[in-house]
Amino acid sequence: MSTQQPLPSPTAYPARLDVDYTPEHRRLTTLFRLFLVIPIGIVYGALTAGATSTVYDEGGKTVSTTSGGIIAGLFTATLLMILFRQRYPRWWFDFARELTRFATRIFAYLVLLTDDYPSTVEEQKVHLDLDYPDVERDLNRWLPLVKWLLAIPHYVVLFFLFIGAFVAVIVAWFAILFTGSYPRGLFDFVVGVGRWALRVNAYAFLLITDRYPPFSLS
């Protein structure tokens, strides 16, 4: 019998992240995590990086042009569709969601939240969901022009939270090497920072909601 995930609460934010806590972690893969993540990081970079081309003119000068990459392209295309057509095509919402899930699995592996090598398909222990918006009902067509600006207070807070998360991961790295366990308090803090960043991304760049992100780790 198939099981269905419970529907989110009506008050839940449209972007949600949770990671299954596993007390025991593998010491060997933790020790070499920065090296182990490189191959999948290259895959993600190749998928999202922009392209640079160099043109030589008759005077011998060189001109380089660089595209913004797939993430910038998704943001720009979504902004224009909401602004001029009041639409958010389902197929590229689904792509943006899966790309975000993939990136989050890499993040979770890098910061030691999970020992599962990041999959390009399976959810694994990282549970991320985004609600598909009803554009005409839920989104103001002009707000995407300024959301990135309105989110500046979050950028400031996240700057310091990322510093704290970096320190927490270093402490967790040593804790795992010596005890084989990720301290639960540090785990919850790092997940909370990722959750906060996801909500800001969903508001300012994925453009799936007009609800201002809460200043909260939970």
Protein backbone atom coordinates (compact mmCIF):
# COMPACT_ATOMS: atom_id res chain seq x y z
CA MET A 1 0.00 0.00 0.00
CA SER A 2 1.42 3.38 -1.00
CA THR A 3 1.75 6.06 1.63
CA GLN A 4 1.13 9.73 1.00
CA GLN A 5 3.00 12.54 2.68
CA PRO A 6 0.77 14.73 4.84
CA LEU A 7 -0.32 17.98 3.26
CA PRO A 8 1.50 21.06 4.55
CA SER A 9 -0.26 23.25 7.05
CA PRO A 10 -2.06 26.24 5.48
CA THR A 11 0.27 28.47 7.51
CA ALA A 12 3.44 26.64 6.41
CA TYR A 13 5.86 28.63 4.29
CA PRO A 14 5.75 27.60 0.60
CA ALA A 15 9.41 26.48 0.77
CA ARG A 16 10.27 23.76 3.28
CA LEU A 17 13.41 21.82 4.13
CA ASP A 18 14.09 19.00 6.54
CA VAL A 19 16.93 16.50 6.84
CA ASP A 20 16.66 13.16 8.61
CA TYR A 21 18.94 13.07 11.63
CA THR A 22 21.28 10.09 11.78
CA PRO A 23 23.33 9.97 14.99
CA GLU A 24 26.08 7.74 13.61
CA HIS A 25 28.30 8.97 10.78
CA ARG A 26 31.15 7.28 8.93
CA ARG A 27 34.51 8.60 10.05
CA LEU A 28 36.42 7.77 6.87
CA THR A 29 34.11 9.56 4.42
CA THR A 30 33.84 12.46 6.85
CA LEU A 31 37.62 12.82 6.91
CA PHE A 32 37.83 13.12 3.12
CA ARG A 33 34.49 14.87 2.51
CA LEU A 34 35.98 17.90 0.76
CA PHE A 35 37.60 15.62 -1.81
CA LEU A 36 34.67 13.25 -2.18
CA VAL A 37 32.24 16.05 -3.03
CA ILE A 38 34.37 17.29 -5.95
CA PRO A 39 32.96 14.98 -8.68
CA ILE A 40 29.32 15.78 -7.98
CA GLY A 41 30.26 19.44 -7.54
CA ILE A 42 31.73 19.40 -11.04
CA VAL A 43 28.50 17.90 -12.37
CA TYR A 44 26.45 20.67 -10.73
CA GLY A 45 28.87 23.32 -11.95
CA ALA A 46 28.74 22.02 -15.51
CA LEU A 47 24.94 22.05 -15.35
CA THR A 48 24.60 25.60 -14.05
CA ALA A 49 27.69 27.49 -15.24
CA GLY A 50 27.50 30.20 -17.86
CA ALA A 51 29.40 30.03 -21.14
CA THR A 52 32.23 32.39 -22.06
CA SER A 53 33.21 33.15 -25.63
CA THR A 54 36.15 35.21 -26.91
CA VAL A 55 35.91 37.21 -30.14
CA TYR A 56 38.86 38.77 -31.95
CA ASP A 57 38.12 41.87 -34.00
CA GLU A 58 40.13 43.22 -36.93
CA GLY A 59 42.14 45.52 -34.68
CA GLY A 60 43.50 42.58 -32.73
CA LYS A 61 41.47 43.36 -29.65
CA THR A 62 39.67 40.63 -27.78
CA VAL A 63 36.12 40.81 -26.49
CA SER A 64 34.82 38.24 -24.03
CA THR A 65 31.15 37.67 -23.40
CA THR A 66 29.76 35.54 -20.59
CA SER A 67 26.22 34.24 -20.20
CA GLY A 68 24.66 34.21 -16.76
CA GLY A 69 24.10 30.47 -16.63
CA ILE A 70 20.98 28.44 -16.14
CA ILE A 71 20.12 29.80 -12.68
CA ALA A 72 20.20 33.43 -13.85
CA GLY A 73 18.27 32.40 -16.95
CA LEU A 74 15.53 30.74 -14.91
CA PHE A 75 15.21 33.80 -12.69
CA THR A 76 15.03 36.20 -15.62
CA ALA A 77 12.58 34.08 -17.61
CA THR A 78 10.33 33.58 -14.58
CA LEU A 79 10.37 37.29 -13.76
CA LEU A 80 9.41 38.22 -17.32
CA MET A 81 6.63 35.63 -17.49
CA ILE A 82 5.10 36.81 -14.22
CA LEU A 83 5.48 40.45 -15.19
CA PHE A 84 4.06 40.30 -18.72
CA ARG A 85 1.93 37.16 -18.82
CA GLN A 86 1.12 36.41 -15.17
CA ARG A 87 2.19 32.82 -15.70
CA TYR A 88 4.69 30.46 -14.13
CA PRO A 89 5.00 27.50 -16.52
CA ARG A 90 4.75 24.27 -14.58
CA TRP A 91 7.53 22.55 -16.46
CA TRP A 92 10.20 25.07 -15.54
CA PHE A 93 8.89 25.32 -11.97
CA ASP A 94 9.42 21.55 -11.77
CA PHE A 95 12.92 21.94 -13.21
CA ALA A 96 13.79 24.75 -10.77
CA ARG A 97 12.51 22.66 -7.87
CA GLU A 98 14.52 19.58 -8.87
CA LEU A 99 17.65 21.68 -9.46
CA THR A 100 17.21 23.21 -6.00
CA ARG A 101 16.76 19.75 -4.49
CA PHE A 102 19.92 18.53 -6.20
CA ALA A 103 21.92 21.52 -4.97
CA THR A 104 20.58 21.02 -1.44
CA ARG A 105 21.59 17.36 -1.41
CA ILE A 106 25.12 18.43 -2.35
CA PHE A 107 25.06 21.07 0.40
CA ALA A 108 23.83 18.52 2.95
CA TYR A 109 26.58 16.08 2.00
CA LEU A 110 29.27 18.76 2.07
CA VAL A 111 28.30 20.01 5.55
CA LEU A 112 28.16 16.44 6.89
CA LEU A 113 24.40 16.31 7.48
CA THR A 114 24.23 13.02 5.62
CA ASP A 115 26.64 10.32 4.52
CA ASP A 116 24.57 9.52 1.42
CA TYR A 117 26.42 10.54 -1.72
CA PRO A 118 24.19 13.12 -3.50
CA SER A 119 21.81 11.53 -5.97
CA THR A 120 20.69 13.27 -9.15
CA VAL A 121 17.29 11.60 -8.82
CA GLU A 122 16.43 10.23 -5.36
CA GLU A 123 15.34 12.36 -2.41
CA GLN A 124 17.49 10.40 0.07
CA LYS A 125 17.43 11.95 3.58
CA VAL A 126 17.01 15.53 2.34
CA HIS A 127 13.36 16.54 2.08
CA LEU A 128 12.77 19.80 0.21
CA ASP A 129 9.47 20.94 -1.17
CA LEU A 130 8.23 24.04 -2.95
CA ASP A 131 4.58 24.92 -3.49
CA TYR A 132 3.56 25.67 -7.07
CA PRO A 133 2.02 29.16 -7.08
CA ASP A 134 -1.29 30.29 -8.52
CA VAL A 135 0.21 33.35 -10.20
CA GLU A 136 -2.97 35.34 -10.78
CA ARG A 137 -4.25 34.73 -7.27
CA ASP A 138 -1.10 34.63 -5.15
CA LEU A 139 1.58 36.72 -6.90
CA ASN A 140 1.79 40.45 -7.54
CA ARG A 141 3.10 40.84 -11.08
CA TRP A 142 5.27 43.87 -10.17
CA LEU A 143 6.81 42.59 -6.94
CA PRO A 144 9.47 40.37 -8.59
CA LEU A 145 11.20 43.56 -9.75
CA VAL A 146 12.06 44.51 -6.16
CA LYS A 147 12.03 41.27 -4.17
CA TRP A 148 15.80 40.95 -4.36
CA LEU A 149 16.01 44.43 -2.82
CA LEU A 150 13.42 43.78 -0.13
CA ALA A 151 15.38 40.69 0.94
CA ILE A 152 18.51 42.70 1.85
CA PRO A 153 17.90 42.38 5.63
CA HIS A 154 17.95 38.61 5.17
CA TYR A 155 21.24 38.76 3.26
CA VAL A 156 22.82 40.56 6.21
CA VAL A 157 21.53 38.06 8.75
CA LEU A 158 22.45 35.10 6.54
CA PHE A 159 26.01 36.39 6.21
CA PHE A 160 26.50 35.97 9.95
CA LEU A 161 24.51 32.75 10.06
CA PHE A 162 26.73 31.23 7.37
CA ILE A 163 29.79 32.13 9.44
CA GLY A 164 28.19 30.42 12.43
CA ALA A 165 27.27 27.39 10.31
CA PHE A 166 30.85 27.18 9.00
CA VAL A 167 32.16 27.05 12.56
CA ALA A 168 29.49 24.52 13.51
CA VAL A 169 30.47 22.23 10.65
CA ILE A 170 34.14 22.36 11.65
CA VAL A 171 33.23 21.44 15.22
CA ALA A 172 30.95 18.67 13.93
CA TRP A 173 33.76 17.37 11.70
CA PHE A 174 36.03 16.89 14.71
CA ALA A 175 33.16 15.46 16.75
CA ILE A 176 32.43 12.84 14.09
CA LEU A 177 36.10 11.90 13.75
CA PHE A 178 36.46 11.35 17.50
CA THR A 179 32.99 10.07 18.46
CA GLY A 180 31.37 8.99 15.20
CA SER A 181 28.37 11.21 15.98
CA TYR A 182 27.07 14.58 14.75
CA PRO A 183 25.94 16.60 17.81
CA ARG A 184 22.19 17.14 17.49
CA GLY A 185 22.31 20.82 18.41
CA LEU A 186 24.86 21.59 15.71
CA PHE A 187 22.91 19.47 13.22
CA ASP A 188 19.68 21.37 13.87
CA PHE A 189 21.45 24.71 13.59
CA VAL A 190 23.04 23.91 10.22
CA VAL A 191 19.73 22.57 8.87
CA GLY A 192 18.02 25.72 10.15
CA VAL A 193 20.46 27.95 8.28
CA GLY A 194 19.82 25.96 5.11
CA ARG A 195 16.07 26.28 5.68
CA TRP A 196 16.36 30.05 6.15
CA ALA A 197 18.42 30.41 2.97
CA LEU A 198 15.92 28.29 1.02
CA ARG A 199 13.01 30.53 2.03
CA VAL A 200 14.91 33.65 0.95
CA ASN A 201 15.79 31.99 -2.35
CA ALA A 202 12.15 30.95 -2.90
CA TYR A 203 10.97 34.51 -2.26
CA ALA A 204 13.63 36.61 -4.01
CA PHE A 205 14.87 34.42 -6.88
CA LEU A 206 12.64 31.42 -7.49
CA LEU A 207 9.69 33.85 -7.14
CA ILE A 208 7.19 31.23 -5.97
CA THR A 209 5.66 33.34 -3.21
CA ASP A 210 5.03 36.92 -2.13
CA ARG A 211 5.07 35.98 1.56
CA TYR A 212 8.06 37.65 3.16
CA PRO A 213 10.39 35.03 4.65
CA PRO A 214 10.28 34.76 8.44
CA PHE A 215 13.42 35.47 10.45
CA SER A 216 13.55 31.97 11.84
CA LEU A 217 15.62 28.81 11.74
CA SER A 218 12.59 26.59 12.30
